[in-house]
């Protein structure tokens, strides 16, 4: 029974990646849509039913797969860096830089992905994925906080990541990293920032929504 379950899981994981690869080649033309999902399935030899079995939420599932692929790609980049050799602010800067470069590797598809996540009905997913990415980066940086700072750090970094990606796509890498450098002080001086700022964890959706809107419509 276990072997059968493992085989099924392996097949599903491989099918997800095949569909993602195919979708990335189509996204700039088809957009991040159910049509793209079904066309990707057909191109990979799946029936519509099989495609929906693998991706029951269609483009939303693909959006999550792409974000997690970029997280993994960033970790590969950071695998060449010893975080213990860096000051904490340098760790965060390197981590964000790696994550931005990972997303830029699929730039045309990432733009369509952003447009999809910018829609009001998808902001919950956008926030969840930004949180996941921030968590991956903080863990690489060695964060072991278990109190409220665990959550607050991730909220702040999720907002930085989302805004920095908007700038990366509209203004280029240098502008994005300059923005990160300016904001990194907020992370490093968190306690002072928290005491003087009106920002709270519930503001994450507004922060993400604004950044996604800038990415979608090309505004700075």
Foldseek 3Di string as FASTA:
>chain_A
DVVVVVVVVVVLVVVLVQLLVQLLVCCLPPFLDQVSQCVSCVVVPHHPVVSCVSVVPRSLVSLLVLLVQLLVQLVVVCVVPDLVVDDLLVLLLSSLLSSLVSLCVSLSNSLSSLLVCLDPVNLVSLLVSLLVSLLSSVVSNPDDDDPCVSVVLSLLSSLLSLLLNLCCNQPNDVVSSVSSVVCSVCNVPVVVNVVPDPDDSVCSSVSNNVSSVCSNVSHD
